[in-house]
C-alpha atoms as a PDB file:
ATOM      1  CA  MET A   1     -39.199 -41.236 -20.987  1.00  0.00           C
ATOM      2  CA  THR A   2     -37.637 -44.226 -19.240  1.00  0.00           C
ATOM      3  CA  LYS A   3     -34.652 -42.139 -18.106  1.00  0.00           C
ATOM      4  CA  THR A   4     -37.001 -39.531 -16.628  1.00  0.00           C
ATOM      5  CA  ILE A   5     -38.943 -42.153 -14.677  1.00  0.00           C
ATOM      6  CA  VAL A   6     -35.746 -43.729 -13.350  1.00  0.00           C
ATOM      7  CA  ALA A   7     -34.398 -40.277 -12.392  1.00  0.00           C
ATOM      8  CA  VAL A   8     -37.591 -39.427 -10.485  1.00  0.00           C
ATOM      9  CA  PHE A   9     -37.476 -42.793  -8.733  1.00  0.00           C
ATOM     10  CA  LEU A  10     -33.829 -42.271  -7.680  1.00  0.00           C
ATOM     11  CA  ILE A  11     -34.678 -38.809  -6.347  1.00  0.00           C
ATOM     12  CA  MET A  12     -37.489 -40.356  -4.272  1.00  0.00           C
ATOM     13  CA  ILE A  13     -35.076 -42.917  -2.820  1.00  0.00           C
ATOM     14  CA  GLY A  14     -32.410 -40.278  -2.163  1.00  0.00           C
ATOM     15  CA  GLY A  15     -34.924 -38.106  -0.319  1.00  0.00           C
ATOM     16  CA  ALA A  16     -35.677 -40.867   2.151  1.00  0.00           C
ATOM     17  CA  VAL A  17     -32.842 -40.032   4.564  1.00  0.00           C
ATOM     18  CA  ARG A  18     -33.316 -40.758   8.240  1.00  0.00           C
ATOM     19  CA  THR A  19     -32.582 -38.012  10.777  1.00  0.00           C
ATOM     20  CA  GLN A  20     -30.911 -38.433  14.141  1.00  0.00           C
ATOM     21  CA  ALA A  21     -32.855 -37.861  17.367  1.00  0.00           C
ATOM     22  CA  GLN A  22     -31.804 -35.866  20.412  1.00  0.00           C
ATOM     23  CA  ASP A  23     -29.914 -37.407  23.312  1.00  0.00           C
ATOM     24  CA  THR A  24     -31.774 -39.035  26.183  1.00  0.00           C
ATOM     25  CA  PRO A  25     -32.294 -36.751  29.223  1.00  0.00           C
ATOM     26  CA  ARG A  26     -29.769 -37.512  31.972  1.00  0.00           C
ATOM     27  CA  SER A  27     -31.321 -35.476  34.800  1.00  0.00           C
ATOM     28  CA  LEU A  28     -34.810 -34.894  36.118  1.00  0.00           C
ATOM     29  CA  SER A  29     -34.657 -31.215  35.185  1.00  0.00           C
ATOM     30  CA  GLU A  30     -34.256 -32.288  31.521  1.00  0.00           C
ATOM     31  CA  LEU A  31     -36.978 -34.933  31.894  1.00  0.00           C
ATOM     32  CA  GLY A  32     -39.584 -32.240  32.611  1.00  0.00           C
ATOM     33  CA  ALA A  33     -39.458 -31.143  28.953  1.00  0.00           C
ATOM     34  CA  VAL A  34     -40.073 -34.686  27.676  1.00  0.00           C
ATOM     35  CA  ALA A  35     -42.455 -36.306  30.170  1.00  0.00           C
ATOM     36  CA  HIS A  36     -45.904 -34.925  30.884  1.00  0.00           C
ATOM     37  CA  TYR A  37     -48.824 -35.558  33.210  1.00  0.00           C
ATOM     38  CA  GLY A  38     -50.530 -38.875  32.451  1.00  0.00           C
ATOM     39  CA  ASP A  39     -47.724 -40.497  30.427  1.00  0.00           C
ATOM     40  CA  ARG A  40     -47.661 -44.268  30.830  1.00  0.00           C
ATOM     41  CA  VAL A  41     -44.092 -45.305  31.611  1.00  0.00           C
ATOM     42  CA  ARG A  42     -41.976 -48.264  32.664  1.00  0.00           C
ATOM     43  CA  VAL A  43     -39.494 -47.459  35.418  1.00  0.00           C
ATOM     44  CA  LEU A  44     -36.407 -49.594  36.031  1.00  0.00           C
ATOM     45  CA  ASP A  45     -35.163 -48.956  39.557  1.00  0.00           C
ATOM     46  CA  VAL A  46     -31.629 -49.424  40.893  1.00  0.00           C
ATOM     47  CA  TYR A  47     -32.515 -52.934  42.129  1.00  0.00           C
ATOM     48  CA  GLY A  48     -33.460 -54.117  38.634  1.00  0.00           C
ATOM     49  CA  ARG A  49     -37.240 -54.169  39.166  1.00  0.00           C
ATOM     50  CA  GLU A  50     -39.439 -52.842  36.377  1.00  0.00           C
ATOM     51  CA  ILE A  51     -42.563 -50.984  37.469  1.00  0.00           C
ATOM     52  CA  ARG A  52     -45.404 -49.635  35.326  1.00  0.00           C
ATOM     53  CA  ALA A  53     -46.638 -46.216  36.348  1.00  0.00           C
ATOM     54  CA  LEU A  54     -48.349 -42.988  35.289  1.00  0.00           C
ATOM     55  CA  ILE A  55     -46.386 -39.759  35.607  1.00  0.00           C
ATOM     56  CA  TYR A  56     -48.072 -37.227  37.864  1.00  0.00           C
ATOM     57  CA  LYS A  57     -45.486 -34.459  38.275  1.00  0.00           C
ATOM     58  CA  VAL A  58     -41.802 -33.969  37.388  1.00  0.00           C
ATOM     59  CA  ASN A  59     -39.672 -31.717  39.609  1.00  0.00           C
ATOM     60  CA  GLU A  60     -35.950 -31.014  39.485  1.00  0.00           C
ATOM     61  CA  SER A  61     -35.314 -33.279  42.477  1.00  0.00           C
ATOM     62  CA  ASP A  62     -37.954 -36.011  42.171  1.00  0.00           C
ATOM     63  CA  VAL A  63     -40.752 -37.532  40.090  1.00  0.00           C
ATOM     64  CA  GLU A  64     -44.233 -38.245  41.395  1.00  0.00           C
ATOM     65  CA  MET A  65     -45.835 -41.296  39.785  1.00  0.00           C
ATOM     66  CA  SER A  66     -48.987 -43.265  40.316  1.00  0.00           C
ATOM     67  CA  VAL A  67     -48.116 -46.939  40.764  1.00  0.00           C
ATOM     68  CA  TRP A  68     -50.944 -49.447  41.041  1.00  0.00           C
ATOM     69  CA  PRO A  69     -51.879 -50.728  43.719  1.00  0.00           C
ATOM     70  CA  ILE A  70     -49.625 -48.541  45.920  1.00  0.00           C
ATOM     71  CA  GLY A  71     -50.881 -45.170  44.713  1.00  0.00           C
ATOM     72  CA  LEU A  72     -48.950 -41.930  44.378  1.00  0.00           C
ATOM     73  CA  THR A  73     -45.229 -42.418  45.070  1.00  0.00           C
ATOM     74  CA  ARG A  74     -42.267 -40.063  44.954  1.00  0.00           C
ATOM     75  CA  TRP A  75     -39.010 -41.211  43.307  1.00  0.00           C
ATOM     76  CA  ASN A  76     -35.639 -39.520  43.714  1.00  0.00           C
ATOM     77  CA  GLU A  77     -33.230 -39.380  40.795  1.00  0.00           C
ATOM     78  CA  SER A  78     -30.874 -41.777  42.605  1.00  0.00           C
ATOM     79  CA  ASP A  79     -33.633 -44.453  42.759  1.00  0.00           C
ATOM     80  CA  ILE A  80     -34.201 -44.595  38.986  1.00  0.00           C
ATOM     81  CA  ARG A  81     -31.978 -46.230  36.392  1.00  0.00           C
ATOM     82  CA  ARG A  82     -34.190 -45.851  33.326  1.00  0.00           C
ATOM     83  CA  ILE A  83     -37.667 -44.637  32.333  1.00  0.00           C
ATOM     84  CA  GLN A  84     -39.299 -45.817  29.097  1.00  0.00           C
ATOM     85  CA  ARG A  85     -42.620 -44.989  27.481  1.00  0.00           C
ATOM     86  CA  PRO A  86     -44.446 -46.791  24.652  1.00  0.00           C
ATOM     87  CA  VAL A  87     -44.413 -44.925  21.349  1.00  0.00           C
ATOM     88  CA  ASP A  88     -46.334 -45.858  18.221  1.00  0.00           C
ATOM     89  CA  ASP A  89     -44.285 -46.021  15.057  1.00  0.00           C
ATOM     90  CA  SER A  90     -44.931 -43.207  12.594  1.00  0.00           C
ATOM     91  CA  VAL A  91     -47.220 -44.301   9.776  1.00  0.00           C
ATOM     92  CA  ARG A  92     -45.529 -41.810   7.459  1.00  0.00           C
ATOM     93  CA  ASN A  93     -42.333 -43.845   7.018  1.00  0.00           C
ATOM     94  CA  GLY A  94     -44.345 -46.984   6.263  1.00  0.00           C
ATOM     95  CA  ALA A  95     -46.296 -45.102   3.611  1.00  0.00           C
ATOM     96  CA  ARG A  96     -43.072 -43.708   2.125  1.00  0.00           C
ATOM     97  CA  ASN A  97     -41.277 -47.058   2.102  1.00  0.00           C
ATOM     98  CA  GLY A  98     -44.313 -48.843   0.678  1.00  0.00           C
ATOM     99  CA  LEU A  99     -44.631 -46.224  -2.058  1.00  0.00           C
ATOM    100  CA  ILE A 100     -40.953 -46.607  -2.969  1.00  0.00           C
ATOM    101  CA  VAL A 101     -41.079 -50.413  -3.113  1.00  0.00           C
ATOM    102  CA  GLY A 102     -44.439 -50.475  -4.892  1.00  0.00           C
ATOM    103  CA  GLY A 103     -43.315 -47.806  -7.355  1.00  0.00           C
ATOM    104  CA  ALA A 104     -40.155 -49.780  -8.133  1.00  0.00           C
ATOM    105  CA  LEU A 105     -42.128 -52.964  -8.724  1.00  0.00           C
ATOM    106  CA  GLY A 106     -44.604 -51.005 -10.846  1.00  0.00           C
ATOM    107  CA  LEU A 107     -41.728 -49.549 -12.866  1.00  0.00           C
ATOM    108  CA  ILE A 108     -40.329 -53.014 -13.532  1.00  0.00           C
ATOM    109  CA  GLN A 109     -43.722 -54.389 -14.506  1.00  0.00           C
ATOM    110  CA  GLY A 110     -44.534 -51.306 -16.597  1.00  0.00           C
ATOM    111  CA  LEU A 111     -41.269 -51.563 -18.524  1.00  0.00           C
ATOM    112  CA  TYR A 112     -41.963 -55.228 -19.162  1.00  0.00           C
ATOM    113  CA  LEU A 113     -45.566 -54.581 -20.274  1.00  0.00           C
ATOM    114  CA  ARG A 114     -44.494 -51.680 -22.481  1.00  0.00           C
ATOM    115  CA  THR A 115     -43.375 -54.238 -25.049  1.00  0.00           C
ATOM    116  CA  THR A 116     -47.062 -55.051 -25.598  1.00  0.00           C
ATOM    117  CA  HIS A 117     -47.534 -51.521 -27.033  1.00  0.00           C
ATOM    118  CA  ILE A 118     -49.998 -50.367 -24.369  1.00  0.00           C
ATOM    119  CA  ARG A 119     -49.556 -46.582 -24.174  1.00  0.00           C
ATOM    120  CA  GLY A 120     -49.154 -45.096 -20.712  1.00  0.00           C
ATOM    121  CA  ILE A 121     -48.759 -48.431 -18.942  1.00  0.00           C
ATOM    122  CA  VAL A 122     -45.580 -47.425 -17.072  1.00  0.00           C
ATOM    123  CA  PRO A 123     -47.039 -44.504 -15.046  1.00  0.00           C
ATOM    124  CA  LEU A 124     -50.292 -46.404 -14.524  1.00  0.00           C
ATOM    125  CA  SER A 125     -48.440 -49.463 -13.266  1.00  0.00           C
ATOM    126  CA  MET A 126     -46.234 -47.338 -10.998  1.00  0.00           C
ATOM    127  CA  ALA A 127     -49.255 -45.523  -9.551  1.00  0.00           C
ATOM    128  CA  LEU A 128     -51.218 -48.732  -8.950  1.00  0.00           C
ATOM    129  CA  HIS A 129     -48.350 -50.645  -7.368  1.00  0.00           C
ATOM    130  CA  GLY A 130     -47.244 -47.574  -5.423  1.00  0.00           C
ATOM    131  CA  ALA A 131     -50.722 -47.207  -3.916  1.00  0.00           C
ATOM    132  CA  LEU A 132     -50.853 -50.907  -3.034  1.00  0.00           C
ATOM    133  CA  GLY A 133     -47.362 -50.752  -1.507  1.00  0.00           C
ATOM    134  CA  MET A 134     -48.302 -47.636   0.450  1.00  0.00           C
ATOM    135  CA  SER A 135     -51.387 -49.284   1.932  1.00  0.00           C
ATOM    136  CA  PHE A 136     -49.375 -52.386   2.824  1.00  0.00           C
ATOM    137  CA  GLY A 137     -46.670 -50.236   4.472  1.00  0.00           C
ATOM    138  CA  ILE A 138     -49.257 -48.294   6.476  1.00  0.00           C
ATOM    139  CA  GLY A 139     -50.849 -51.553   7.637  1.00  0.00           C
ATOM    140  CA  LEU A 140     -47.513 -52.957   8.794  1.00  0.00           C
ATOM    141  CA  ASP A 141     -46.500 -49.745  10.540  1.00  0.00           C
ATOM    142  CA  ALA A 142     -49.774 -49.628  12.459  1.00  0.00           C
ATOM    143  CA  LEU A 143     -48.800 -52.924  14.117  1.00  0.00           C
ATOM    144  CA  ILE A 144     -45.417 -51.697  15.371  1.00  0.00           C
ATOM    145  CA  ALA A 145     -45.009 -50.191  18.851  1.00  0.00           C
ATOM    146  CA  ARG A 146     -41.682 -49.641  20.601  1.00  0.00           C
ATOM    147  CA  GLN A 147     -40.343 -48.457  23.946  1.00  0.00           C
ATOM    148  CA  GLN A 148     -38.617 -45.059  23.871  1.00  0.00           C
ATOM    149  CA  VAL A 149     -36.084 -44.333  26.616  1.00  0.00           C
ATOM    150  CA  ILE A 150     -36.998 -40.906  28.019  1.00  0.00           C
ATOM    151  CA  PHE A 151     -34.628 -40.913  31.014  1.00  0.00           C
ATOM    152  CA  GLU A 152     -31.425 -42.787  31.724  1.00  0.00           C
ATOM    153  CA  ARG A 153     -29.241 -42.106  34.705  1.00  0.00           C
ATOM    154  CA  PRO A 154     -25.592 -41.455  33.843  1.00  0.00           C
ATOM    155  CA  GLY A 155     -23.107 -43.935  35.174  1.00  0.00           C
ATOM    156  CA  GLU A 156     -23.260 -47.653  34.622  1.00  0.00           C
ATOM    157  CA  PRO A 157     -24.671 -48.675  31.228  1.00  0.00           C
ATOM    158  CA  VAL A 158     -28.164 -50.134  31.282  1.00  0.00           C
ATOM    159  CA  PRO A 159     -28.689 -53.091  28.937  1.00  0.00           C
ATOM    160  CA  VAL A 160     -31.840 -52.900  26.849  1.00  0.00           C
ATOM    161  CA  ASP A 161     -32.853 -56.492  27.562  1.00  0.00           C
ATOM    162  CA  GLU A 162     -32.100 -57.579  31.098  1.00  0.00           C
ATOM    163  CA  THR A 163     -30.544 -61.028  31.427  1.00  0.00           C
ATOM    164  CA  THR A 164     -31.235 -63.613  34.107  1.00  0.00           C
ATOM    165  CA  PRO A 165     -29.017 -63.123  37.185  1.00  0.00           C
ATOM    166  CA  PHE A 166     -26.295 -65.734  37.659  1.00  0.00           C
ATOM    167  CA  ALA A 167     -27.880 -67.118  40.840  1.00  0.00           C
ATOM    168  CA  MET A 168     -31.154 -67.817  38.993  1.00  0.00           C
ATOM    169  CA  GLN A 169     -29.627 -69.637  36.026  1.00  0.00           C
ATOM    170  CA  SER A 170     -30.265 -73.328  35.591  1.00  0.00           C
ATOM    171  CA  PRO A 171     -27.380 -75.584  36.680  1.00  0.00           C
ATOM    172  CA  ALA A 172     -28.228 -78.061  33.912  1.00  0.00           C
ATOM    173  CA  PRO A 173     -25.858 -77.964  30.928  1.00  0.00           C
ATOM    174  CA  VAL A 174     -27.198 -76.235  27.858  1.00  0.00           C
ATOM    175  CA  LYS A 175     -27.810 -78.517  24.895  1.00  0.00           C
ATOM    176  CA  PRO A 176     -26.260 -77.409  21.621  1.00  0.00           C
ATOM    177  CA  PRO A 177     -28.643 -76.153  18.945  1.00  0.00           C
ATOM    178  CA  GLY A 178     -29.814 -78.610  16.329  1.00  0.00           C
ATOM    179  CA  PHE A 179     -30.934 -82.202  16.575  1.00  0.00           C
ATOM    180  CA  THR A 180     -29.363 -85.566  17.266  1.00  0.00           C
ATOM    181  CA  LEU A 181     -30.029 -88.800  15.387  1.00  0.00           C
ATOM    182  CA  ARG A 182     -29.829 -92.040  17.356  1.00  0.00           C
ATOM    183  CA  PHE A 183     -29.932 -95.446  15.773  1.00  0.00           C
END
C-alpha cells in the first residue's frame, strides 16, 4: 500500500512540468494578435519614459492609445521600445503546487500515525493536508500579479528594471553593507 501511495505521489510530481511560452512580438503586425481594444498597458518609449495607456487600435504601422490626460495618441513602431501589460498569475498552478506539498506532508504524517494502528489514516491525512495546501496555494497565487511583455522592438536589449542614469547618481561614496562598531 505504501509503495502505491508513493508511486502515485511521484506521478503527480512528474506531471507538473512547466511549458514554454511563445516569443514576444517584434513588430506591430504581430502585436495585433496579442493586444486588444481596452488593454491596460505600460509603454516604454525610446527616451526611457514609461507611460500608462489603454490600447485603442493596433495597425501594421502604428498603435493608437489613450494616454491620460493627453487623450488619444498615435505611436509609430520606431517610438516604442517595449509594451507591457499586467497579468494575474494562474490560480491553477498554486492549487497544484499546494496539493503536492500538502499531499507530501500528509503522506509523511499518515505514515507516522499508521504506527498507532488507525486504519485508513494515510489517505485521510493526505486528503486533508492536500486540501489545506491547495487552499493556501490558491490564496498565495491570488496575491501575485506580474507584467507580461507583449511587444519589444528588436535591436538594443531592454533591461527589465531600468537603472538610474549616470548623471543622476549621487556623488557621495556608497557605504559598504553591514554595521560599524565605534568605541
